[in-house]
N, C-alpha and C. Protein backbone atom coordinates (compact mmCIF):
# COMPACT_ATOMS: atom_id res chain seq x y z
N MET A 1 -30.48 4.47 -4.57
CA MET A 1 -31.37 3.39 -5.09
C MET A 1 -31.76 2.59 -3.84
N ILE A 2 -32.63 2.24 -3.64
CA ILE A 2 -33.17 1.59 -2.19
C ILE A 2 -34.01 0.76 -2.24
N LYS A 3 -33.61 -0.23 -1.66
CA LYS A 3 -34.42 -2.10 -2.15
C LYS A 3 -34.79 -2.54 -0.80
N THR A 4 -36.10 -3.02 -0.37
CA THR A 4 -36.08 -3.85 0.72
C THR A 4 -36.44 -5.04 0.55
N PHE A 5 -35.97 -6.24 1.19
CA PHE A 5 -36.24 -7.29 0.63
C PHE A 5 -36.98 -8.10 2.33
N ASP A 6 -38.40 -8.95 1.78
CA ASP A 6 -39.08 -9.26 3.10
C ASP A 6 -39.29 -10.68 3.45
N GLN A 7 -38.71 -11.34 2.43
CA GLN A 7 -38.47 -12.91 2.65
C GLN A 7 -38.69 -13.65 3.63
N GLN A 8 -39.55 -14.45 4.45
CA GLN A 8 -39.95 -15.17 5.45
C GLN A 8 -38.96 -16.37 5.85
N GLY A 9 -38.26 -16.34 6.90
CA GLY A 9 -37.71 -17.95 6.66
C GLY A 9 -36.39 -17.42 7.54
N ASP A 10 -35.42 -17.89 8.20
CA ASP A 10 -34.40 -17.66 9.04
C ASP A 10 -33.33 -17.00 7.23
N PHE A 11 -33.00 -16.38 7.34
CA PHE A 11 -31.67 -15.47 6.57
C PHE A 11 -32.39 -15.47 4.65
N ALA A 12 -33.75 -15.46 4.71
CA ALA A 12 -34.31 -15.84 3.53
C ALA A 12 -34.74 -14.52 2.81
N ALA A 13 -34.25 -13.27 3.77
CA ALA A 13 -34.49 -11.73 3.03
C ALA A 13 -33.15 -11.26 2.84
N ALA A 14 -32.30 -12.29 3.34
CA ALA A 14 -30.61 -11.25 3.38
C ALA A 14 -30.10 -12.15 2.14
N ARG A 15 -30.41 -13.69 1.77
CA ARG A 15 -30.39 -14.32 0.96
C ARG A 15 -30.46 -13.91 -0.34
N ALA A 16 -31.94 -13.37 -0.71
CA ALA A 16 -32.43 -12.72 -1.82
C ALA A 16 -31.94 -11.76 -1.89
N ALA A 17 -31.79 -10.54 -0.82
CA ALA A 17 -30.74 -9.57 -1.15
C ALA A 17 -29.42 -9.73 -1.70
N GLU A 18 -28.63 -10.79 -1.35
CA GLU A 18 -27.54 -11.12 -1.73
C GLU A 18 -27.56 -11.44 -3.29
N ASN A 19 -28.55 -12.59 -3.57
CA ASN A 19 -28.61 -13.04 -5.04
C ASN A 19 -28.93 -12.04 -6.09
N TRP A 20 -29.56 -10.61 -5.34
CA TRP A 20 -29.74 -9.69 -6.01
C TRP A 20 -28.80 -9.40 -6.41
N LEU A 21 -28.24 -8.85 -5.36
CA LEU A 21 -26.61 -7.98 -5.75
C LEU A 21 -25.80 -8.86 -6.29
N HIS A 22 -25.41 -10.39 -6.42
CA HIS A 22 -24.82 -10.78 -7.27
C HIS A 22 -25.21 -11.13 -8.55
N GLU A 23 -26.32 -10.78 -8.51
CA GLU A 23 -26.42 -11.30 -10.50
C GLU A 23 -26.55 -9.62 -10.56
N GLY A 24 -26.30 -8.29 -10.41
CA GLY A 24 -25.94 -7.46 -10.63
C GLY A 24 -24.84 -6.87 -10.77
N GLY A 25 -23.67 -8.16 -10.21
CA GLY A 25 -22.31 -7.60 -10.07
C GLY A 25 -21.76 -7.33 -8.78
N TYR A 26 -21.96 -7.24 -8.04
CA TYR A 26 -21.81 -6.43 -6.96
C TYR A 26 -21.35 -7.65 -5.83
N SER A 27 -20.45 -7.39 -4.91
CA SER A 27 -19.73 -8.08 -4.04
C SER A 27 -21.12 -7.40 -2.21
N VAL A 28 -20.63 -9.00 -1.47
CA VAL A 28 -21.30 -8.22 -0.29
C VAL A 28 -20.53 -8.73 0.45
N GLY A 29 -19.91 -7.79 1.77
CA GLY A 29 -18.94 -8.13 2.61
C GLY A 29 -19.76 -8.98 4.06
N SER A 30 -19.17 -9.55 4.65
CA SER A 30 -19.10 -10.41 6.17
C SER A 30 -20.00 -9.99 6.75
N SER A 31 -20.86 -10.80 7.16
CA SER A 31 -22.20 -10.50 8.50
C SER A 31 -21.44 -9.98 9.10
N GLU A 32 -22.13 -8.88 10.22
CA GLU A 32 -21.27 -8.73 11.67
C GLU A 32 -23.24 -8.11 12.54
N ARG A 33 -23.25 -8.92 13.55
CA ARG A 33 -24.53 -8.36 14.34
C ARG A 33 -24.90 -6.82 14.43
N GLY A 34 -25.44 -6.40 13.63
CA GLY A 34 -26.11 -5.14 14.49
C GLY A 34 -25.03 -4.25 13.84
N ALA A 35 -24.66 -4.96 12.68
CA ALA A 35 -23.70 -3.41 11.29
C ALA A 35 -24.40 -3.96 10.25
N PRO A 36 -24.23 -2.44 9.83
CA PRO A 36 -24.49 -2.79 8.08
C PRO A 36 -23.43 -4.07 7.23
N ARG A 37 -23.25 -4.45 6.14
CA ARG A 37 -22.60 -5.30 4.91
C ARG A 37 -22.81 -4.18 4.27
N GLY A 38 -20.90 -4.05 4.14
CA GLY A 38 -20.23 -3.15 2.96
C GLY A 38 -20.75 -3.93 1.27
N ILE A 39 -21.27 -2.86 0.67
CA ILE A 39 -21.30 -3.59 -1.21
C ILE A 39 -20.12 -2.76 -2.18
N MET A 40 -19.96 -3.89 -2.81
CA MET A 40 -18.87 -2.89 -3.50
C MET A 40 -19.21 -3.38 -5.53
N ARG A 41 -19.28 -2.52 -6.43
CA ARG A 41 -19.04 -4.00 -7.31
C ARG A 41 -18.31 -4.11 -7.90
N GLY A 42 -18.40 -5.76 -8.27
CA GLY A 42 -16.84 -6.20 -9.14
C GLY A 42 -16.48 -7.67 -8.04
N ASP A 43 -16.34 -8.05 -8.70
CA ASP A 43 -16.04 -9.66 -7.49
C ASP A 43 -14.90 -8.85 -6.63
N VAL A 44 -15.05 -8.54 -5.60
CA VAL A 44 -14.35 -8.26 -4.18
C VAL A 44 -14.44 -8.67 -2.98
N LEU A 45 -13.62 -8.97 -1.85
CA LEU A 45 -13.50 -9.53 -0.42
C LEU A 45 -13.86 -8.18 0.15
N ILE A 46 -15.06 -7.81 1.10
CA ILE A 46 -15.34 -6.95 1.73
C ILE A 46 -15.24 -7.26 3.28
N ALA A 47 -14.82 -6.86 3.86
CA ALA A 47 -14.41 -7.38 5.61
C ALA A 47 -15.74 -6.86 6.27
N LYS A 48 -15.82 -7.12 7.61
CA LYS A 48 -17.03 -6.42 8.31
C LYS A 48 -16.72 -5.68 8.67
N TRP A 49 -18.16 -4.62 9.05
CA TRP A 49 -18.47 -3.29 9.37
C TRP A 49 -16.79 -2.87 10.16
N ARG A 50 -16.86 -3.66 11.30
CA ARG A 50 -16.07 -3.08 12.97
C ARG A 50 -14.15 -3.44 11.91
N ASN A 51 -14.17 -3.73 10.76
CA ASN A 51 -12.73 -4.49 10.10
C ASN A 51 -12.45 -2.79 9.09
N LEU A 52 -13.54 -2.39 8.77
CA LEU A 52 -13.36 -1.31 7.73
C LEU A 52 -13.12 -0.10 8.04
N SER A 53 -11.84 0.39 7.41
CA SER A 53 -11.51 1.93 7.46
C SER A 53 -12.39 3.11 7.08
N ARG A 54 -12.27 4.46 7.74
CA ARG A 54 -13.02 5.23 7.43
C ARG A 54 -13.24 5.49 6.10
N ARG A 55 -11.92 5.15 5.15
CA ARG A 55 -11.41 5.79 4.21
C ARG A 55 -12.13 4.73 3.57
N GLU A 56 -12.00 2.93 3.32
CA GLU A 56 -12.85 1.64 2.71
C GLU A 56 -13.99 1.99 2.87
N ARG A 57 -14.63 2.59 4.17
CA ARG A 57 -16.07 2.65 3.92
C ARG A 57 -16.82 3.49 3.15
N ALA A 58 -15.96 4.81 2.85
CA ALA A 58 -16.56 6.47 2.12
C ALA A 58 -16.59 5.40 -0.04
N THR A 59 -15.23 4.28 -0.05
CA THR A 59 -15.00 3.68 -0.98
C THR A 59 -16.30 3.14 -1.25
N LEU A 60 -17.61 2.37 -0.94
CA LEU A 60 -18.14 1.33 -0.85
C LEU A 60 -19.52 2.18 -1.97
N ASP A 61 -19.94 1.17 -2.70
CA ASP A 61 -21.14 1.32 -3.43
C ASP A 61 -22.29 1.15 -2.82
N GLY A 62 -22.17 0.95 -1.75
CA GLY A 62 -23.74 0.27 -1.07
C GLY A 62 -23.24 0.16 0.45
N GLN A 63 -24.78 -0.25 1.26
CA GLN A 63 -24.42 -1.22 2.69
C GLN A 63 -25.37 -2.04 2.98
N MET A 64 -25.37 -3.10 3.14
CA MET A 64 -27.32 -3.81 3.31
C MET A 64 -26.79 -3.65 4.93
N THR A 65 -28.80 -3.27 5.16
CA THR A 65 -28.81 -3.18 6.48
C THR A 65 -30.25 -3.96 6.86
N GLY A 66 -30.41 -4.31 8.50
CA GLY A 66 -31.79 -4.60 8.53
C GLY A 66 -31.22 -5.88 9.40
N ASP A 67 -32.30 -6.70 9.82
CA ASP A 67 -32.30 -8.04 10.87
C ASP A 67 -31.92 -9.20 9.62
N MET A 68 -30.73 -9.22 9.65
CA MET A 68 -30.94 -10.54 8.66
C MET A 68 -30.68 -11.64 8.63
N ARG A 69 -31.39 -12.03 10.00
CA ARG A 69 -31.91 -14.01 10.45
C ARG A 69 -33.55 -13.53 9.75
N ASN A 70 -34.31 -12.29 10.16
CA ASN A 70 -35.59 -12.55 9.82
C ASN A 70 -36.18 -11.60 9.03
N GLY A 71 -35.28 -10.46 8.83
CA GLY A 71 -35.93 -9.50 7.54
C GLY A 71 -36.63 -8.43 8.37
N PRO A 72 -37.13 -7.58 7.92
CA PRO A 72 -36.87 -7.60 6.52
C PRO A 72 -34.77 -6.68 6.67
N VAL A 73 -34.40 -7.05 5.27
CA VAL A 73 -33.05 -6.09 4.68
C VAL A 73 -33.61 -5.22 4.13
N THR A 74 -32.48 -3.49 3.88
CA THR A 74 -32.80 -3.12 2.90
C THR A 74 -31.52 -2.91 2.35
N VAL A 75 -31.68 -3.15 0.88
CA VAL A 75 -30.08 -2.42 0.04
C VAL A 75 -30.07 -1.40 0.10
N GLU A 76 -28.71 -0.60 0.02
CA GLU A 76 -28.85 1.00 -0.31
C GLU A 76 -27.76 0.75 -1.26
N LEU A 77 -28.01 1.73 -2.79
CA LEU A 77 -27.10 1.75 -3.54
C LEU A 77 -26.56 3.37 -3.55
N PHE A 78 -25.67 3.90 -3.31
CA PHE A 78 -24.98 4.89 -3.33
C PHE A 78 -25.07 6.05 -4.55
N HIS A 79 -25.26 5.20 -5.46
CA HIS A 79 -25.36 5.48 -6.83
C HIS A 79 -26.32 4.90 -7.90
N PRO A 80 -27.25 6.10 -7.74
CA PRO A 80 -28.97 5.56 -8.04
C PRO A 80 -28.39 5.35 -10.04
N GLY A 81 -29.30 3.99 -10.33
CA GLY A 81 -29.19 4.02 -11.98
C GLY A 81 -27.62 3.12 -11.71
N ALA A 82 -27.11 2.63 -10.90
CA ALA A 82 -26.20 1.76 -10.96
C ALA A 82 -26.50 -0.23 -11.29
N GLN A 83 -27.94 -0.17 -10.98
CA GLN A 83 -28.43 -1.23 -11.18
C GLN A 83 -30.03 -1.68 -11.80
């Protein structure tokens, strides 16, 4: 499943995506300029992308990409129907 957020304003799209994910029971990884943010179901602390091993990346339920400051931001959940 892929969903795009294009709200206007500083970090508005990223915040909207985070809120949507949290409402669905997901956690979002730390922000790192130019890198995806990991997504996992549950209340989980997720490191920045560069600090995740290949194995940890493989266990993610999705990722958030895009321009976190200005939007748009895209959320990709790897398991369709998960939300």
